Each structure stands twice: as C-alpha cells, then as structure tokens.
Amino acid sequence: MNGPNERSQDDLDNRSRQLDPEHDAYWQSRGEDERPDNWEDLI
C-alpha cells in the first residue's frame, strides 16, 4: 500500500498525460473537451 507521500502508477501516468499536449487529458485539464485540431499552433 502507498504511504501518504507516494503516488500510484495511475496517478503518475495521469500527471504525465496532463503535461503532454498530445494527450486529450492535457487539454481537458485546461478546460477543453478534447485536443483541438490546431493544438500545435496553440503550444
């Protein structure tokens, strides 16, 4: 079991996706429904 300061692999994977503009999770964490078609122009 994880201690209070340990993150599960799922938490780490989610964080990684939220920091990667190629993933929908990045855009969803910034208020978008999904990755916009022109996402490369926005980063």
C-alpha atoms as a PDB file:
ATOM      1  CA  MET A   1       0.000   0.000   0.000  1.00  0.00           C
ATOM      2  CA  ASN A   2       1.193   3.520  -0.760  1.00  0.00           C
ATOM      3  CA  GLY A   3       2.177   5.860   2.024  1.00  0.00           C
ATOM      4  CA  PRO A   4       0.801   9.407   2.276  1.00  0.00           C
ATOM      5  CA  ASN A   5       3.541  10.878   0.063  1.00  0.00           C
ATOM      6  CA  GLU A   6       3.623   8.103  -2.546  1.00  0.00           C
ATOM      7  CA  ARG A   7       1.701   8.280  -5.784  1.00  0.00           C
ATOM      8  CA  SER A   8       0.265   5.279  -7.575  1.00  0.00           C
ATOM      9  CA  GLN A   9       1.366   4.499 -11.108  1.00  0.00           C
ATOM     10  CA  ASP A  10      -2.076   5.603 -12.303  1.00  0.00           C
ATOM     11  CA  ASP A  11      -1.573   8.999 -10.633  1.00  0.00           C
ATOM     12  CA  LEU A  12       1.854   9.355 -12.225  1.00  0.00           C
ATOM     13  CA  ASP A  13       0.520   8.342 -15.648  1.00  0.00           C
ATOM     14  CA  ASN A  14      -2.347  10.826 -15.356  1.00  0.00           C
ATOM     15  CA  ARG A  15       0.058  13.620 -14.393  1.00  0.00           C
ATOM     16  CA  SER A  16       2.265  12.745 -17.343  1.00  0.00           C
ATOM     17  CA  ARG A  17      -0.714  12.880 -19.727  1.00  0.00           C
ATOM     18  CA  GLN A  18      -1.830  16.221 -18.307  1.00  0.00           C
ATOM     19  CA  LEU A  19       1.607  17.673 -19.057  1.00  0.00           C
ATOM     20  CA  ASP A  20       1.740  16.332 -22.635  1.00  0.00           C
ATOM     21  CA  PRO A  21      -0.136  18.441 -25.215  1.00  0.00           C
ATOM     22  CA  GLU A  22      -0.508  15.394 -27.484  1.00  0.00           C
ATOM     23  CA  HIS A  23      -2.999  13.885 -24.998  1.00  0.00           C
ATOM     24  CA  ASP A  24      -6.634  14.903 -24.545  1.00  0.00           C
ATOM     25  CA  ALA A  25      -6.008  14.964 -20.764  1.00  0.00           C
ATOM     26  CA  TYR A  26      -3.704  17.972 -21.245  1.00  0.00           C
ATOM     27  CA  TRP A  27      -6.484  19.952 -22.881  1.00  0.00           C
ATOM     28  CA  GLN A  28      -9.205  18.660 -20.542  1.00  0.00           C
ATOM     29  CA  SER A  29      -7.195  19.836 -17.543  1.00  0.00           C
ATOM     30  CA  ARG A  30      -7.202  23.268 -19.197  1.00  0.00           C
ATOM     31  CA  GLY A  31     -10.955  23.422 -19.768  1.00  0.00           C
ATOM     32  CA  GLU A  32     -11.219  21.976 -23.278  1.00  0.00           C
ATOM     33  CA  ASP A  33     -13.329  18.945 -24.224  1.00  0.00           C
ATOM     34  CA  GLU A  34     -10.503  17.366 -26.191  1.00  0.00           C
ATOM     35  CA  ARG A  35      -7.320  18.217 -28.054  1.00  0.00           C
ATOM     36  CA  PRO A  36      -8.133  20.943 -30.613  1.00  0.00           C
ATOM     37  CA  ASP A  37      -7.336  20.292 -34.261  1.00  0.00           C
ATOM     38  CA  ASN A  38      -4.918  23.248 -34.262  1.00  0.00           C
ATOM     39  CA  TRP A  39      -3.235  22.209 -30.991  1.00  0.00           C
ATOM     40  CA  GLU A  40       0.259  22.529 -32.477  1.00  0.00           C
ATOM     41  CA  ASP A  41      -0.396  26.221 -33.203  1.00  0.00           C
ATOM     42  CA  LEU A  42      -1.549  26.773 -29.610  1.00  0.00           C
ATOM     43  CA  ILE A  43       1.532  25.441 -27.819  1.00  0.00           C
END
